[in-house]
Protein backbone atom coordinates (compact mmCIF):
# COMPACT_ATOMS: atom_id res chain seq x y z
CA MET A 1 128.42 67.41 89.85
CA THR A 2 131.92 67.73 88.28
CA LEU A 3 133.86 64.40 87.82
CA SER A 4 137.28 63.83 88.48
CA GLY A 5 138.52 63.70 85.44
CA THR A 6 136.95 67.03 84.36
CA THR A 7 137.17 70.87 84.31
CA THR A 8 134.61 73.48 84.24
CA VAL A 9 135.23 76.20 82.06
CA PRO A 10 133.19 79.50 80.51
CA VAL A 11 131.56 79.01 77.06
CA LYS A 12 128.90 80.59 75.32
CA LYS A 13 126.69 78.45 73.70
CA ILE A 14 124.98 79.28 70.43
CA ALA A 15 122.18 77.94 68.73
CA GLY A 16 121.02 80.13 65.72
CA ARG A 17 120.78 83.33 67.14
CA ASN A 18 120.36 82.40 70.28
CA VAL A 19 123.34 83.20 72.66
CA GLN A 20 124.08 81.95 75.99
CA SER A 21 127.04 82.52 78.34
CA THR A 22 127.37 79.49 80.95
CA THR A 23 129.99 76.99 81.68
CA ASP A 24 130.69 73.26 80.35
CA GLN A 25 132.45 70.61 81.48
CA VAL A 26 135.34 69.56 79.67
CA VAL A 27 137.69 66.38 79.67
CA ARG A 28 141.30 67.06 81.43
CA GLU A 29 144.14 66.22 79.53
CA VAL A 30 147.72 66.04 81.48
CA PRO A 31 151.59 64.89 80.83
CA VAL A 32 152.82 61.79 82.67
CA THR A 33 156.43 61.03 82.45
CA LEU A 34 157.12 57.38 82.98
CA PHE A 35 160.38 56.53 84.50
CA LEU A 36 161.86 53.01 84.43
CA ASN A 37 164.50 51.96 86.78
CA ASP A 38 165.46 55.38 86.96
CA GLU A 39 165.56 56.36 83.26
CA GLU A 40 163.09 58.22 81.56
CA LEU A 41 161.26 56.38 79.03
CA VAL A 42 158.38 58.19 77.49
CA THR A 43 155.90 60.91 78.52
CA LEU A 44 151.75 59.81 78.23
CA VAL A 45 148.85 62.41 77.19
CA CYS A 46 146.07 61.06 79.21
CA SER A 47 143.32 61.55 81.67
CA PRO A 48 144.58 61.73 85.14
CA ASP A 49 143.29 58.90 86.91
CA HIS A 50 144.39 55.28 87.29
CA LEU A 51 147.75 56.33 86.73
CA GLU A 52 149.35 53.18 88.16
CA GLU A 53 147.18 50.86 85.63
CA LEU A 54 148.18 53.16 82.85
CA ALA A 55 151.96 52.59 83.35
CA VAL A 56 151.77 49.03 84.32
CA GLY A 57 149.72 48.60 81.42
CA PHE A 58 151.66 50.51 79.10
CA LEU A 59 154.79 48.73 80.26
CA CYS A 60 152.53 45.29 79.78
CA SER A 61 151.86 46.62 75.95
CA GLU A 62 155.41 47.02 74.97
CA GLY A 63 156.29 43.43 76.22
CA ILE A 64 158.60 45.02 79.14
CA LEU A 65 156.26 43.30 81.55
CA ARG A 66 155.25 39.76 81.21
CA LYS A 67 154.99 38.29 84.65
CA PRO A 68 154.40 39.25 88.13
CA GLY A 69 158.03 38.83 89.29
CA ASP A 70 159.16 41.59 86.76
CA LEU A 71 157.61 44.48 88.57
CA LYS A 72 159.32 45.51 91.64
CA GLY A 73 157.98 48.22 92.66
CA ILE A 74 155.81 51.80 91.55
CA THR A 75 155.64 54.68 92.60
CA VAL A 76 152.98 57.55 91.21
CA HIS A 77 153.38 61.25 92.11
CA ARG A 78 150.08 62.39 90.79
CA ASP A 79 150.41 66.27 91.26
CA ASP A 80 153.74 66.53 89.27
CA GLY A 81 152.94 63.99 86.52
CA LEU A 82 155.70 61.83 87.51
CA ILE A 83 155.60 57.84 87.91
CA TRP A 84 158.74 55.55 88.69
CA VAL A 85 158.72 51.84 87.72
CA GLU A 86 161.20 49.38 89.05
CA THR A 87 161.48 46.51 87.19
CA THR A 88 163.67 43.01 87.80
CA GLY A 89 165.00 43.54 84.11
CA PRO A 90 166.43 46.32 82.09
CA ALA A 91 165.14 49.14 80.35
CA PRO A 92 164.64 48.69 76.80
CA ALA A 93 167.40 49.72 74.34
CA ARG A 94 166.56 53.36 72.87
CA GLU A 95 167.59 52.09 69.51
CA GLY A 96 165.03 49.28 69.51
CA PHE A 97 162.30 50.95 71.34
CA LEU A 98 159.52 51.41 68.99
CA LYS A 99 161.26 51.10 66.18
CA ARG A 100 159.11 50.45 62.93
CA TYR A 101 160.24 47.11 61.02
CA LEU A 102 158.30 45.21 58.31
CA THR A 103 158.35 41.45 57.93
CA THR A 104 156.78 39.38 55.96
CA CYS A 105 154.43 36.38 57.25
CA CYS A 106 152.48 33.27 56.07
CA GLY A 107 154.49 33.72 52.31
CA ARG A 108 151.94 36.23 51.50
CA SER A 109 154.53 39.21 51.53
CA ARG A 110 152.71 41.72 53.17
CA SER A 111 153.63 43.88 56.34
CA SER A 112 152.83 42.61 59.86
CA PHE A 113 153.71 43.72 63.27
CA TYR A 114 156.09 46.83 62.32
CA PHE A 115 157.48 47.61 65.53
CA ILE A 116 160.07 45.08 67.10
CA ASN A 117 158.64 44.81 70.45
CA ASP A 118 155.23 44.26 69.00
CA ALA A 119 156.41 40.94 67.73
CA ARG A 120 157.96 39.69 70.80
CA GLY A 121 156.19 37.29 72.85
CA ILE A 122 152.60 37.44 70.87
CA LYS A 123 151.19 34.02 70.33
CA PRO A 124 148.27 33.04 68.51
CA VAL A 125 145.30 33.18 70.95
CA THR A 126 143.44 29.68 70.77
CA SER A 127 140.90 30.22 73.68
CA PRO A 128 137.64 27.88 73.19
CA LEU A 129 135.45 31.07 74.49
CA GLN A 130 132.03 31.16 73.13
CA ILE A 131 129.37 34.14 73.83
CA PRO A 132 125.75 34.29 72.59
CA LEU A 133 124.96 37.24 70.15
CA GLU A 134 122.67 38.46 72.13
CA ARG A 135 124.65 38.89 75.55
CA ALA A 136 127.97 40.35 73.58
CA LEU A 137 125.45 43.13 72.21
CA ALA A 138 124.17 43.63 76.32
CA PHE A 139 127.47 43.84 77.04
CA ALA A 140 128.39 46.39 74.41
CA ARG A 141 125.39 48.66 75.97
CA GLU A 142 126.04 48.31 79.40
CA MET A 143 129.71 49.40 78.51
CA GLU A 144 128.23 52.32 76.70
CA GLY A 145 126.12 53.18 79.96
CA LYS A 146 129.01 53.36 82.33
CA ALA A 147 130.52 56.07 80.24
CA ALA A 148 130.19 58.86 82.83
CA LEU A 149 133.13 60.90 81.48
CA PHE A 150 131.88 60.77 77.86
CA ARG A 151 128.37 61.76 78.82
CA ALA A 152 129.45 64.95 80.65
CA THR A 153 132.57 65.93 77.86
CA GLY A 154 132.02 63.89 74.77
CA GLY A 155 135.90 63.75 75.24
CA SER A 156 136.96 60.42 76.03
CA HIS A 157 136.98 56.59 75.37
CA GLY A 158 135.97 53.45 77.46
CA ALA A 159 137.00 50.04 77.63
CA ALA A 160 135.92 47.14 79.89
CA LEU A 161 137.06 43.74 80.82
CA TYR A 162 134.08 41.22 80.85
CA SER A 163 133.89 37.67 81.81
CA ARG A 164 130.98 35.28 79.79
CA GLU A 165 128.85 36.65 82.76
CA LYS A 166 129.51 40.00 83.86
CA ALA A 167 132.06 43.27 83.63
CA LEU A 168 135.09 43.12 85.84
CA PHE A 169 136.08 46.62 85.47
CA PHE A 170 135.71 49.90 83.21
CA TYR A 171 138.28 52.54 82.45
CA GLU A 172 137.72 55.97 80.26
CA ASP A 173 140.63 58.12 79.24
CA ILE A 174 140.92 60.65 76.47
CA GLY A 175 143.08 57.87 74.56
CA ARG A 176 141.65 54.95 73.49
CA HIS A 177 144.98 53.32 73.71
CA ASN A 178 145.19 54.59 77.19
CA ALA A 179 141.79 53.03 78.17
CA VAL A 180 143.22 49.49 76.72
CA ASP A 181 145.96 50.02 78.70
CA LYS A 182 144.38 50.54 81.96
CA ILE A 183 142.79 47.23 81.62
CA PHE A 184 146.04 45.44 81.08
CA GLY A 185 147.66 46.98 83.87
CA ARG A 186 144.80 46.20 86.48
CA ALA A 187 144.34 42.55 85.07
CA PHE A 188 148.01 42.16 85.40
CA LEU A 189 148.10 43.73 88.72
CA ASP A 190 145.27 41.43 90.23
CA GLY A 191 146.76 38.39 88.48
CA ILE A 192 143.50 37.81 86.47
CA ALA A 193 143.84 35.49 83.45
CA LEU A 194 142.55 36.77 79.85
CA GLY A 195 142.11 33.59 77.92
CA ASP A 196 138.74 33.92 78.42
CA LYS A 197 137.68 37.08 78.53
CA LEU A 198 136.11 39.59 76.23
CA LEU A 199 137.31 43.45 75.67
CA VAL A 200 134.53 45.93 74.65
CA PHE A 201 135.89 49.10 73.44
CA SER A 202 134.22 52.27 72.35
CA GLY A 203 136.55 53.38 69.31
CA ARG A 204 137.66 51.95 66.02
CA VAL A 205 139.76 49.07 66.29
CA SER A 206 143.42 49.92 64.75
CA SER A 207 146.41 47.60 64.19
CA GLU A 208 147.65 48.90 67.65
CA ILE A 209 144.81 48.44 69.55
CA LEU A 210 144.65 44.52 68.25
CA ILE A 211 148.28 44.31 68.89
CA LYS A 212 147.65 45.06 72.50
CA VAL A 213 144.43 42.51 72.44
CA ALA A 214 146.81 39.74 71.12
CA ARG A 215 149.70 40.96 73.94
CA MET A 216 147.24 40.06 76.41
CA GLY A 217 145.75 37.12 75.01
CA ILE A 218 141.92 38.17 74.79
CA PRO A 219 140.11 36.39 72.48
CA VAL A 220 137.23 38.67 71.93
CA ILE A 221 136.92 42.26 71.19
CA ILE A 222 133.89 44.23 70.61
CA ALA A 223 133.83 47.51 69.54
CA ARG A 224 131.46 50.46 68.60
CA GLY A 225 133.79 51.62 66.32
CA ALA A 226 135.18 50.50 62.84
CA PRO A 227 138.32 48.11 62.09
CA THR A 228 140.99 48.82 59.66
CA ASP A 229 142.21 46.45 57.43
CA LEU A 230 145.41 46.09 58.91
CA ALA A 231 143.98 45.06 62.23
CA LEU A 232 141.83 42.28 60.62
CA ALA A 233 144.60 40.74 58.99
CA MET A 234 146.62 40.61 62.40
CA ALA A 235 143.23 39.49 63.98
CA ARG A 236 143.23 36.53 61.41
CA GLU A 237 146.93 35.55 62.01
CA THR A 238 146.45 36.11 66.03
CA GLY A 239 143.06 33.72 66.29
CA ILE A 240 141.05 37.04 67.60
CA THR A 241 137.42 37.85 67.14
CA VAL A 242 136.82 41.43 65.93
CA ALA A 243 133.57 42.87 66.21
CA GLY A 244 132.71 45.94 64.97
CA PHE A 245 129.89 48.45 65.00
CA ALA A 246 128.46 46.83 67.97
CA ARG A 247 125.35 49.20 68.45
CA GLY A 248 121.60 48.57 69.67
CA ASP A 249 121.01 44.96 68.28
CA ARG A 250 123.51 44.74 65.62
CA MET A 251 127.29 43.98 64.83
CA ASN A 252 129.50 42.95 62.14
CA VAL A 253 131.63 40.02 62.95
CA TYR A 254 135.03 40.01 60.70
CA THR A 255 136.91 37.34 62.13
CA HIS A 256 137.09 34.39 64.02
CA SER A 257 133.29 34.29 63.88
CA GLU A 258 132.89 31.11 65.59
CA ARG A 259 133.17 32.53 68.86
CA ILE A 260 129.87 34.06 68.33
CA ILE A 261 127.09 31.83 68.64
CA VAL A 262 124.17 33.64 66.63
């Protein structure tokens, strides 16, 4: 069965001296241009599913959408790769959008949030959430089992939002940032509070991923991949628990380990 996020292509599979002509499923990759209040804002390269969630989540991650009243409407033209979003506030100034900067934090003279819009609206996470280690590992295994697109193609990342008891929703995308933005977008559209939730994630935890988690206010991220040092520095500052290498019956907990009960 061909999944909606894949296409079938001819391929020669070579194993030693054995050559077989057959077909294979590969993941689809499409450009989607986002217009904000009738102004072109950005082109996202993504998987062609759940584009409404992606657009809303991207705008939430950039601090453009912060509360339900900020969003007036959204129109998705999937076939044309176009999304129009209307907000109550103005589009960000081009000279400030995604402009890098360095700031000194906590008196230790190191670089912290390095995009201007990354620093806006982010507050430390103070959630009292705690979860048993066994359940956290079970969530990681369950999320991996949901990854039908990855199993078919090997070319996608997955992200799932969990409460303390169960998965709420799961998305895959060719881009790990996109998968997280789809989570953010769905939570925003559904009005889901995130201060007592976990993000379970297939990729590595970079500073960009950590910033998205911080902006969502999610207290725990459990990842199959590794974290970076800058992501961990940001996690310590923002009160986020980062667990990496969550595979089988093991994981590494790098920051705020009190939330994982061993």
